[in-house]
Amino acid sequence: MRIGHYDARLWAQGGIASYVRRVGQAQARTGHDVVFLCRASEGDAPSNTLEVENDRALFSAAQARGLDVLHLHGPVETLPEDRVPTVRTVHTNDASCPSGSRYLKRTGQPCDRDYSVAGCLWGHLVDHCGSRRPHNTWANFQRIQQEQTQAAALPTITVSRFLKEQMIRSGCPAETLRVLHSPAPTLSGTFSPPPRRTPPHFVFAGRIEPQKGLDWLLRSLGAVDADVHLDVAGTGDEGYLDTLDQLVADLGIREQVTFHGWLDEDAVYALIEQARGVVVPSVWHEPAGLVTLEAAALGRPVVASEVGGIPEYATDAFALRVPPRDTEALAGAITTLARDPDRATAMGRRGHDQARSEFAMDRFLRRLDAFYDDVRSSTQQPVSS
């Protein structure tokens, strides 16, 4: 099958790039002819990346290359009627939240309200969940309308049940939506238990921004009833990083925290392998939280917030989940893994097994191929929920 994956900024750092690279490479290994399409290449884009100037050029290139399926990972401005079979994966909250954040910056809590123009405009102005600049606010509401229109027009995969439910609540038709959980990375090697070094290390990996909850995690370290060390892999806005650095100083935990900056995938994996566990303290509704699957694939237990799609990935088998901003609960979960290496090992083994079964790449690809076949065999392109 000839498959094209498209997003305007396909290779920008982030979860979508990791997902598309992982899936596209796995498809190629099974014999599919895969091409990546984007507006502009960034970073270490694969050699089979094709730049297109606009949507017209995108769909023309899909026709010219004889694609059997064009797989979109972001919205497009226009959908020509004579397009090749086209599907979409929704990775974000943009189809149910104008700002895409589902995060109330004023209170530091996840947003659970249904989408409405009046309610979400109030959120922008009062809860600071989106820009209060009129031009940006207008653009946010235009984007959600675009997302909802395309969700009605295209067979659409959501990366969690949470996303699907939120999209339906916001007005998207259920009959075009299908849930397909993302795959874990395929890593070689057998299960290796977490090291028993003292103090045990825990890892935070991801973008460093307020909704990721790193400030909450840092404040929780002082309540952990064990000597632990936190490794932070990631980067973000310099001003916010300075704020966190000052927080570490104010809390007196400088010796307990190491900021590693941005690390490539292999370096992040190496850091996780040396850890007792991985902490995902998000305080917004994460659509999926793929770092939980990376931890599982490496045989490490997870402590994670009970928000968004995270519980669908960080299952009870290998994760301890806590309410967002509950410092006592977060500290208690970290303490449990720090003081009980046998439990951490057992949880890590279950996660490792689950990454190779329920979240295995070959299982994911079989379901994705079946989805493609459904779309290709349908002249109208709708799929069952």
Protein backbone atom coordinates (compact mmCIF):
# COMPACT_ATOMS: atom_id res chain seq x y z
CA MET A 1 0.00 0.00 0.00
CA ARG A 2 1.23 3.53 -0.79
CA ILE A 3 0.72 5.67 2.31
CA GLY A 4 1.36 9.37 2.87
CA HIS A 5 1.52 10.99 6.32
CA TYR A 6 0.97 14.76 6.46
CA ASP A 7 1.12 17.59 8.95
CA ALA A 8 2.14 21.16 8.15
CA ARG A 9 4.95 21.08 10.74
CA LEU A 10 5.38 17.34 10.76
CA TRP A 11 8.90 17.21 12.17
CA ALA A 12 8.59 19.90 14.82
CA GLN A 13 9.69 18.55 18.21
CA GLY A 14 6.83 16.88 20.04
CA GLY A 15 4.59 13.87 20.35
CA ILE A 16 3.10 14.00 16.84
CA ALA A 17 6.52 13.78 15.22
CA SER A 18 7.47 10.83 17.43
CA TYR A 19 4.18 9.07 16.67
CA VAL A 20 4.39 9.59 12.89
CA ARG A 21 8.04 8.59 12.66
CA ARG A 22 7.44 5.46 14.75
CA VAL A 23 4.33 4.40 12.82
CA GLY A 24 5.66 5.30 9.36
CA GLN A 25 8.91 3.43 9.86
CA ALA A 26 7.02 0.38 11.15
CA GLN A 27 4.71 0.48 8.13
CA ALA A 28 7.72 0.60 5.82
CA ARG A 29 9.23 -2.43 7.54
CA THR A 30 6.08 -4.42 6.81
CA GLY A 31 6.33 -3.61 3.09
CA HIS A 32 4.24 -0.47 2.67
CA ASP A 33 5.58 2.39 0.52
CA VAL A 34 5.58 5.36 2.90
CA VAL A 35 6.15 9.04 2.21
CA PHE A 36 6.02 11.97 4.65
CA LEU A 37 4.60 15.31 3.56
CA CYS A 38 4.85 18.72 5.24
CA ARG A 39 5.03 22.44 4.51
CA ALA A 40 8.64 22.75 5.67
CA SER A 41 11.13 20.15 6.89
CA GLU A 42 12.50 20.66 10.40
CA GLY A 43 15.19 18.92 12.39
CA ASP A 44 16.27 15.49 11.19
CA ALA A 45 13.46 14.86 8.70
CA PRO A 46 13.70 11.43 7.00
CA SER A 47 14.90 11.33 3.40
CA ASN A 48 11.44 10.28 2.17
CA THR A 49 9.98 13.65 3.23
CA LEU A 50 8.32 15.77 0.56
CA GLU A 51 7.62 19.47 1.04
CA VAL A 52 4.38 20.89 -0.35
CA GLU A 53 3.57 24.58 -0.62
CA ASN A 54 -0.13 24.47 0.22
CA ASP A 55 -3.16 22.20 0.44
CA ARG A 56 -3.65 22.15 -3.32
CA ALA A 57 -0.07 20.99 -3.75
CA LEU A 58 -0.58 18.38 -1.00
CA PHE A 59 -3.53 16.70 -2.67
CA SER A 60 -1.94 17.03 -6.11
CA ALA A 61 1.18 15.30 -4.82
CA ALA A 62 -0.97 12.55 -3.29
CA GLN A 63 -2.60 11.97 -6.68
CA ALA A 64 0.70 12.17 -8.58
CA ARG A 65 2.40 9.61 -6.32
CA GLY A 66 -0.57 7.27 -6.57
CA LEU A 67 -1.19 7.17 -2.83
CA ASP A 68 -3.72 4.60 -1.68
CA VAL A 69 -4.24 6.55 1.55
CA LEU A 70 -3.39 10.07 2.65
CA HIS A 71 -3.18 10.13 6.45
CA LEU A 72 -3.54 13.60 7.94
CA HIS A 73 -2.21 14.41 11.41
CA GLY A 74 -3.42 17.99 11.46
CA PRO A 75 -6.16 20.05 9.80
CA VAL A 76 -6.10 21.30 6.24
CA GLU A 77 -7.89 24.36 4.93
CA THR A 78 -9.62 22.66 2.01
CA LEU A 79 -10.71 19.11 1.15
CA PRO A 80 -11.08 18.60 -2.62
CA GLU A 81 -13.90 16.29 -3.63
CA ASP A 82 -11.64 14.31 -5.98
CA ARG A 83 -9.04 13.56 -3.30
CA VAL A 84 -7.40 10.20 -2.77
CA PRO A 85 -8.85 8.21 0.17
CA THR A 86 -8.06 10.47 3.14
CA VAL A 87 -8.14 9.78 6.87
CA ARG A 88 -7.25 11.84 9.91
CA THR A 89 -5.75 11.12 13.31
CA VAL A 90 -6.63 13.65 16.00
CA HIS A 91 -3.80 13.94 18.53
CA THR A 92 -4.94 17.10 20.34
CA ASN A 93 -7.85 18.74 22.13
CA ASP A 94 -8.34 21.23 19.29
CA ALA A 95 -11.68 19.74 18.17
CA SER A 96 -13.27 20.20 21.61
CA CYS A 97 -11.42 23.20 23.06
CA PRO A 98 -10.80 26.50 21.20
CA SER A 99 -7.38 27.00 22.80
CA GLY A 100 -6.53 23.30 22.64
CA SER A 101 -5.31 23.40 26.21
CA ARG A 102 -8.19 22.13 28.36
CA TYR A 103 -6.28 23.89 31.12
CA LEU A 104 -7.40 26.78 33.32
CA LYS A 105 -4.25 28.78 33.79
CA ARG A 106 -5.73 31.01 36.50
CA THR A 107 -6.37 28.07 38.85
CA GLY A 108 -3.82 25.61 37.47
CA GLN A 109 -6.53 22.95 37.01
CA PRO A 110 -7.76 20.90 34.03
CA CYS A 111 -10.92 22.20 32.31
CA ASP A 112 -13.98 19.92 32.30
CA ARG A 113 -16.55 22.26 30.75
CA ASP A 114 -18.36 21.43 27.51
CA TYR A 115 -17.51 23.54 24.50
CA SER A 116 -19.74 26.53 23.89
CA VAL A 117 -18.96 29.92 22.46
CA ALA A 118 -20.17 31.76 25.57
CA GLY A 119 -18.53 29.40 28.09
CA CYS A 120 -15.21 29.20 26.28
CA LEU A 121 -15.11 32.93 25.65
CA TRP A 122 -15.57 33.38 29.41
CA GLY A 123 -12.72 30.91 29.90
CA HIS A 124 -10.43 32.92 27.65
CA LEU A 125 -11.22 36.18 29.42
CA VAL A 126 -11.46 35.02 33.06
CA ASP A 127 -9.76 31.63 33.45
CA HIS A 128 -6.91 32.49 31.06
CA CYS A 129 -7.31 29.18 29.24
CA GLY A 130 -6.49 30.93 25.98
CA SER A 131 -5.23 34.23 24.65
CA ARG A 132 -7.26 37.31 25.60
CA ARG A 133 -6.05 39.22 22.56
CA PRO A 134 -9.08 39.59 20.25
CA HIS A 135 -7.25 38.45 17.11
CA ASN A 136 -5.89 35.30 18.77
CA THR A 137 -9.20 34.53 20.47
CA TRP A 138 -11.01 34.79 17.13
CA ALA A 139 -8.42 32.51 15.53
CA ASN A 140 -8.99 29.92 18.29
CA PHE A 141 -12.73 29.81 17.63
CA GLN A 142 -12.14 29.61 13.88
CA ARG A 143 -9.81 26.66 14.43
CA ILE A 144 -12.29 24.62 16.45
CA GLN A 145 -14.91 25.17 13.76
CA GLN A 146 -12.44 23.96 11.14
CA GLU A 147 -11.58 20.91 13.24
CA GLN A 148 -15.23 20.00 13.77
CA THR A 149 -16.06 20.43 10.09
CA GLN A 150 -13.26 18.09 9.08
CA ALA A 151 -14.17 15.56 11.78
CA ALA A 152 -17.58 15.35 10.10
CA ALA A 153 -16.08 15.02 6.63
CA LEU A 154 -13.29 12.51 7.22
CA PRO A 155 -12.96 9.06 8.80
CA THR A 156 -11.16 10.06 11.98
CA ILE A 157 -9.01 8.21 14.49
CA THR A 158 -8.74 9.55 18.03
CA VAL A 159 -5.80 8.47 20.17
CA SER A 160 -8.00 7.96 23.24
CA ARG A 161 -11.60 7.35 24.24
CA PHE A 162 -11.33 10.60 26.17
CA LEU A 163 -10.73 12.55 22.96
CA LYS A 164 -13.60 10.84 21.17
CA GLU A 165 -16.00 11.52 24.03
CA GLN A 166 -14.97 15.16 24.24
CA MET A 167 -15.38 15.61 20.50
CA ILE A 168 -18.86 14.10 20.57
CA ARG A 169 -19.82 16.32 23.53
CA SER A 170 -18.63 19.29 21.50
CA GLY A 171 -20.77 18.45 18.47
CA CYS A 172 -18.70 16.10 16.29
CA PRO A 173 -20.59 13.14 14.76
CA ALA A 174 -19.87 9.85 16.52
CA GLU A 175 -20.18 7.83 13.30
CA THR A 176 -16.97 9.26 11.80
CA LEU A 177 -14.84 8.66 14.92
CA ARG A 178 -12.89 5.55 15.87
CA VAL A 179 -10.52 5.07 18.81
CA LEU A 180 -7.11 3.56 18.11
CA HIS A 181 -4.68 3.76 20.99
CA SER A 182 -1.13 4.64 20.04
CA PRO A 183 1.54 1.91 20.09
CA ALA A 184 4.43 1.57 22.47
CA PRO A 185 7.92 1.83 21.01
CA THR A 186 9.35 -1.50 19.91
CA LEU A 187 12.52 -1.97 21.93
CA SER A 188 14.83 -4.95 21.81
CA GLY A 189 15.95 -6.85 24.86
CA THR A 190 14.32 -8.67 27.73
CA PHE A 191 12.91 -7.13 30.88
CA SER A 192 15.50 -5.53 33.13
CA PRO A 193 14.38 -4.58 36.66
CA PRO A 194 14.79 -1.03 37.94
CA PRO A 195 18.18 -0.47 39.56
CA ARG A 196 18.29 -0.50 43.36
CA ARG A 197 20.77 2.34 43.70
CA THR A 198 20.40 4.83 46.54
CA PRO A 199 18.82 7.26 46.30
CA PRO A 200 16.35 5.95 43.72
CA HIS A 201 15.95 8.22 40.69
CA PHE A 202 12.67 9.28 39.09
CA VAL A 203 12.31 10.86 35.66
CA PHE A 204 10.15 13.66 34.28
CA ALA A 205 10.38 13.80 30.47
CA GLY A 206 8.52 16.21 28.23
CA ARG A 207 7.89 19.82 27.39
CA ILE A 208 8.41 22.08 30.38
CA GLU A 209 5.37 24.33 30.61
CA PRO A 210 2.82 25.07 33.35
CA GLN A 211 0.22 22.49 32.31
CA LYS A 212 2.78 19.69 32.55
CA GLY A 213 2.77 20.06 36.34
CA LEU A 214 6.51 20.09 36.99
CA ASP A 215 6.07 22.83 39.60
CA TRP A 216 3.62 20.57 41.47
CA LEU A 217 6.09 17.68 41.26
CA LEU A 218 8.93 19.84 42.63
CA ARG A 219 6.76 20.98 45.54
CA SER A 220 5.80 17.37 46.24
CA LEU A 221 9.41 16.22 46.61
CA GLY A 222 9.59 17.74 50.07
CA ALA A 223 6.69 15.54 51.19
CA VAL A 224 8.22 12.30 49.88
CA ASP A 225 9.07 10.07 52.83
CA ALA A 226 12.29 8.80 51.28
CA ASP A 227 15.52 10.14 49.85
CA VAL A 228 14.94 10.43 46.08
CA HIS A 229 16.45 12.23 43.09
CA LEU A 230 14.51 13.75 40.18
CA ASP A 231 15.94 13.86 36.65
CA VAL A 232 14.20 16.36 34.35
CA ALA A 233 14.55 15.87 30.59
CA GLY A 234 13.06 18.59 28.44
CA THR A 235 13.04 22.28 27.73
CA GLY A 236 10.61 25.14 27.45
CA ASP A 237 10.21 28.90 27.68
CA GLU A 238 13.29 30.45 29.28
CA GLY A 239 11.21 32.64 31.57
CA TYR A 240 9.30 29.66 32.93
CA LEU A 241 12.52 27.67 33.31
CA ASP A 242 13.94 30.53 35.37
CA THR A 243 10.81 30.43 37.54
CA LEU A 244 11.29 26.71 38.18
CA ASP A 245 14.98 27.19 38.92
CA GLN A 246 14.06 29.78 41.56
CA LEU A 247 11.41 27.40 42.94
CA VAL A 248 14.05 24.69 43.37
CA ALA A 249 16.23 27.16 45.26
CA ASP A 250 13.36 28.37 47.44
CA LEU A 251 12.38 24.78 48.31
CA GLY A 252 15.97 23.88 49.16
CA ILE A 253 16.01 20.84 46.87
CA ARG A 254 18.89 21.80 44.58
CA GLU A 255 20.76 18.58 45.41
CA GLN A 256 17.69 16.45 44.63
CA VAL A 257 17.01 17.75 41.11
CA THR A 258 19.01 17.62 37.87
CA PHE A 259 17.82 19.54 34.80
CA HIS A 260 19.29 17.79 31.76
CA GLY A 261 17.75 20.05 29.09
CA TRP A 262 16.55 18.66 25.79
CA LEU A 263 17.68 15.07 25.14
CA ASP A 264 17.23 12.93 22.08
CA GLU A 265 15.14 9.77 22.27
CA ASP A 266 18.03 7.43 23.01
CA ALA A 267 19.30 9.65 25.82
CA VAL A 268 15.82 9.85 27.37
CA TYR A 269 15.53 6.06 27.22
CA ALA A 270 18.93 5.70 28.90
CA LEU A 271 17.81 8.04 31.68
CA ILE A 272 14.59 6.06 32.20
CA GLU A 273 16.49 2.77 32.31
CA GLN A 274 18.50 4.07 35.28
CA ALA A 275 15.35 5.18 37.14
CA ARG A 276 13.04 3.57 39.67
CA GLY A 277 10.07 5.07 37.85
CA VAL A 278 8.68 7.81 35.60
CA VAL A 279 6.44 10.62 36.85
CA VAL A 280 3.80 12.24 34.59
CA PRO A 281 2.28 15.04 36.73
CA SER A 282 0.14 16.69 34.04
CA VAL A 283 -2.50 19.14 35.24
CA TRP A 284 -4.24 19.50 31.87
CA HIS A 285 -6.23 16.89 29.99
CA GLU A 286 -3.44 15.11 28.11
CA PRO A 287 -4.92 13.44 25.01
CA ALA A 288 -2.75 10.36 25.59
CA GLY A 289 0.56 10.81 27.43
CA LEU A 290 2.87 8.66 25.33
CA VAL A 291 5.78 8.83 27.79
CA THR A 292 3.82 6.32 29.90
CA LEU A 293 4.19 3.75 27.09
CA GLU A 294 7.89 4.52 26.74
CA ALA A 295 8.28 3.83 30.45
CA ALA A 296 6.32 0.58 30.13
CA ALA A 297 8.39 -0.57 27.15
CA LEU A 298 11.50 -0.05 29.26
CA GLY A 299 10.02 -1.91 32.22
CA ARG A 300 9.58 1.07 34.53
CA PRO A 301 6.49 1.83 36.65
CA VAL A 302 4.70 5.13 36.31
CA VAL A 303 3.20 7.69 38.67
CA ALA A 304 0.68 9.76 36.70
CA SER A 305 -2.17 12.23 37.02
CA GLU A 306 -5.73 11.01 36.56
CA VAL A 307 -6.48 13.36 33.65
CA GLY A 308 -7.48 13.14 30.00
CA GLY A 309 -6.46 10.02 28.13
CA ILE A 310 -3.62 9.14 30.51
CA PRO A 311 -5.55 6.39 32.40
CA GLU A 312 -6.13 4.56 29.10
CA TYR A 313 -2.36 4.23 28.70
CA ALA A 314 -1.05 4.28 32.28
CA THR A 315 -3.12 1.29 33.35
CA ASP A 316 -3.48 -0.17 36.82
CA ALA A 317 -1.02 -2.90 35.84
CA PHE A 318 2.02 -0.63 35.96
CA ALA A 319 0.90 2.81 37.15
CA LEU A 320 -0.12 4.59 40.33
CA ARG A 321 -2.54 7.39 39.40
CA VAL A 322 -3.32 10.43 41.53
CA PRO A 323 -5.65 13.45 41.31
CA PRO A 324 -4.07 16.53 39.72
CA ARG A 325 -2.53 18.99 42.21
CA ASP A 326 -2.95 16.56 45.13
CA THR A 327 0.51 16.96 46.66
CA GLU A 328 -0.02 14.38 49.40
CA ALA A 329 -1.18 11.74 46.89
CA LEU A 330 1.70 12.42 44.50
CA ALA A 331 4.30 12.33 47.25
CA GLY A 332 2.74 9.14 48.63
CA ALA A 333 2.88 7.36 45.27
CA ILE A 334 6.54 8.29 44.78
CA THR A 335 7.29 7.18 48.33
CA THR A 336 5.66 3.80 47.65
CA LEU A 337 7.97 3.07 44.71
CA ALA A 338 11.02 4.55 46.42
CA ARG A 339 10.61 2.40 49.54
CA ASP A 340 9.45 -0.80 47.85
CA PRO A 341 11.79 -1.83 44.99
CA ASP A 342 10.11 -5.24 44.74
CA ARG A 343 6.78 -3.60 43.98
CA ALA A 344 8.43 -1.29 41.47
CA THR A 345 9.99 -4.34 39.77
CA ALA A 346 6.68 -6.20 39.64
CA MET A 347 4.87 -3.20 38.20
CA GLY A 348 7.64 -2.60 35.68
CA ARG A 349 7.45 -6.21 34.52
CA ARG A 350 3.67 -5.95 34.02
CA GLY A 351 4.12 -2.75 32.06
CA HIS A 352 6.80 -4.36 29.92
CA ASP A 353 4.45 -7.25 29.16
CA GLN A 354 1.58 -4.92 28.35
CA ALA A 355 3.73 -2.83 26.01
CA ARG A 356 4.46 -6.03 24.07
CA SER A 357 0.86 -7.22 23.96
CA GLU A 358 -1.97 -4.71 24.27
CA PHE A 359 0.15 -1.80 22.99
CA ALA A 360 2.36 -3.76 20.57
CA MET A 361 3.15 -2.15 17.23
CA ASP A 362 2.15 -5.20 15.15
CA ARG A 363 -1.29 -5.23 16.81
CA PHE A 364 -1.66 -1.51 16.15
CA LEU A 365 -0.66 -1.87 12.49
CA ARG A 366 -3.19 -4.65 11.88
CA ARG A 367 -5.96 -2.42 13.20
CA LEU A 368 -4.69 0.58 11.22
CA ASP A 369 -4.51 -1.46 7.99
CA ALA A 370 -8.08 -2.63 8.56
CA PHE A 371 -9.14 0.99 9.02
CA TYR A 372 -7.42 1.97 5.78
CA ASP A 373 -9.13 -0.92 3.97
CA ASP A 374 -12.53 0.18 5.29
CA VAL A 375 -11.95 3.69 3.98
CA ARG A 376 -10.63 2.56 0.60
CA SER A 377 -13.59 0.23 0.05
CA SER A 378 -16.12 2.93 0.89
CA THR A 379 -17.10 5.52 -1.69
CA GLN A 380 -18.47 7.89 0.93
CA GLN A 381 -15.68 7.27 3.50
CA PRO A 382 -17.73 7.07 6.73
CA VAL A 383 -16.75 4.37 9.21
CA SER A 384 -18.58 2.77 12.08
CA SER A 385 -17.85 4.03 15.61
